[in-house]
Amino acid sequence: MNCQECHDRIYPYLDRELDPTEVERVREHLDECEGCESTLVIETVFLDRVRGSATARTAPPGVRERLILRLRSDIGPPP
């Protein structure tokens, strides 16, 4: 795995979206590459701060209802 391939997989890696084989490939590259390991640390801190800044787990009912209505009107009726 090269650095670009590793960078392309950083977020899926952090979000646990990779299959075990890809996880192992990313880990191996991170063990060998200080630059990519630094990127991982920076992205981990970034995601932790973003997650920590959330004030609510779900949108307020009014916002959710408006969003659902908007999505339904954009998509149209079911077939």
Protein backbone atom coordinates (compact mmCIF):
# COMPACT_ATOMS: atom_id res chain seq x y z
CA MET A 1 0.00 0.00 0.00
CA ASN A 2 1.31 3.45 -0.84
CA CYS A 3 0.61 6.71 0.98
CA GLN A 4 -2.23 7.81 -1.32
CA GLU A 5 -4.01 4.48 -0.86
CA CYS A 6 -3.58 4.80 2.89
CA HIS A 7 -4.92 8.38 2.91
CA ASP A 8 -7.94 7.24 0.88
CA ARG A 9 -8.70 4.71 3.61
CA ILE A 10 -8.08 6.83 6.73
CA TYR A 11 -11.72 7.79 7.34
CA PRO A 12 -13.15 4.35 6.53
CA TYR A 13 -10.43 2.95 8.82
CA LEU A 14 -11.38 5.31 11.65
CA ASP A 15 -15.08 4.61 11.10
CA ARG A 16 -14.45 0.84 11.15
CA GLU A 17 -15.83 0.44 7.66
CA LEU A 18 -12.97 -1.61 6.19
CA ASP A 19 -12.91 -5.36 5.96
CA PRO A 20 -10.28 -7.16 8.08
CA THR A 21 -7.87 -7.53 5.16
CA GLU A 22 -7.91 -3.79 4.43
CA VAL A 23 -7.56 -2.97 8.14
CA GLU A 24 -4.43 -5.09 8.25
CA ARG A 25 -3.01 -3.44 5.12
CA VAL A 26 -3.61 0.04 6.57
CA ARG A 27 -2.08 -0.95 9.92
CA GLU A 28 0.99 -2.36 8.20
CA HIS A 29 1.47 0.84 6.24
CA LEU A 30 0.94 3.01 9.33
CA ASP A 31 3.57 0.97 11.19
CA GLU A 32 6.08 1.71 8.43
CA CYS A 33 5.20 5.30 7.50
CA GLU A 34 5.58 8.15 9.99
CA GLY A 35 3.88 10.62 7.65
CA CYS A 36 0.72 8.57 7.34
CA GLU A 37 0.77 7.80 11.05
CA SER A 38 0.87 11.55 11.71
CA THR A 39 -2.08 12.02 9.37
CA LEU A 40 -3.99 9.36 11.30
CA VAL A 41 -3.29 11.12 14.59
CA ILE A 42 -4.42 14.49 13.20
CA GLU A 43 -7.61 13.02 11.73
CA THR A 44 -8.34 11.14 14.96
CA VAL A 45 -8.04 14.33 17.00
CA PHE A 46 -10.19 16.18 14.45
CA LEU A 47 -12.95 13.57 14.57
CA ASP A 48 -12.84 13.44 18.36
CA ARG A 49 -13.31 17.20 18.54
CA VAL A 50 -16.14 17.19 16.02
CA ARG A 51 -17.90 14.38 17.86
CA GLY A 52 -17.31 16.12 21.17
CA SER A 53 -18.80 19.37 19.94
CA ALA A 54 -22.17 17.86 19.10
CA THR A 55 -24.79 19.15 21.49
CA ALA A 56 -27.62 16.78 20.59
CA ARG A 57 -27.85 13.20 19.43
CA THR A 58 -30.86 13.84 17.20
CA ALA A 59 -32.43 16.82 15.51
CA PRO A 60 -35.34 18.51 17.30
CA PRO A 61 -38.74 17.10 16.21
CA GLY A 62 -39.65 20.16 14.11
CA VAL A 63 -36.41 20.01 12.16
CA ARG A 64 -36.74 16.27 11.59
CA GLU A 65 -40.32 16.63 10.35
CA ARG A 66 -39.43 19.44 7.93
CA LEU A 67 -36.46 17.48 6.64
CA ILE A 68 -38.53 14.34 6.08
CA LEU A 69 -41.23 16.32 4.25
CA ARG A 70 -38.60 18.02 2.09
CA LEU A 71 -36.94 14.73 1.21
CA ARG A 72 -40.27 13.16 0.35
CA SER A 73 -41.23 16.07 -1.91
CA ASP A 74 -37.83 15.97 -3.67
CA ILE A 75 -37.98 12.21 -4.22
CA GLY A 76 -41.66 11.96 -5.09
CA PRO A 77 -44.18 9.30 -4.18
CA PRO A 78 -43.11 5.66 -3.88
CA PRO A 79 -43.64 3.54 -7.01
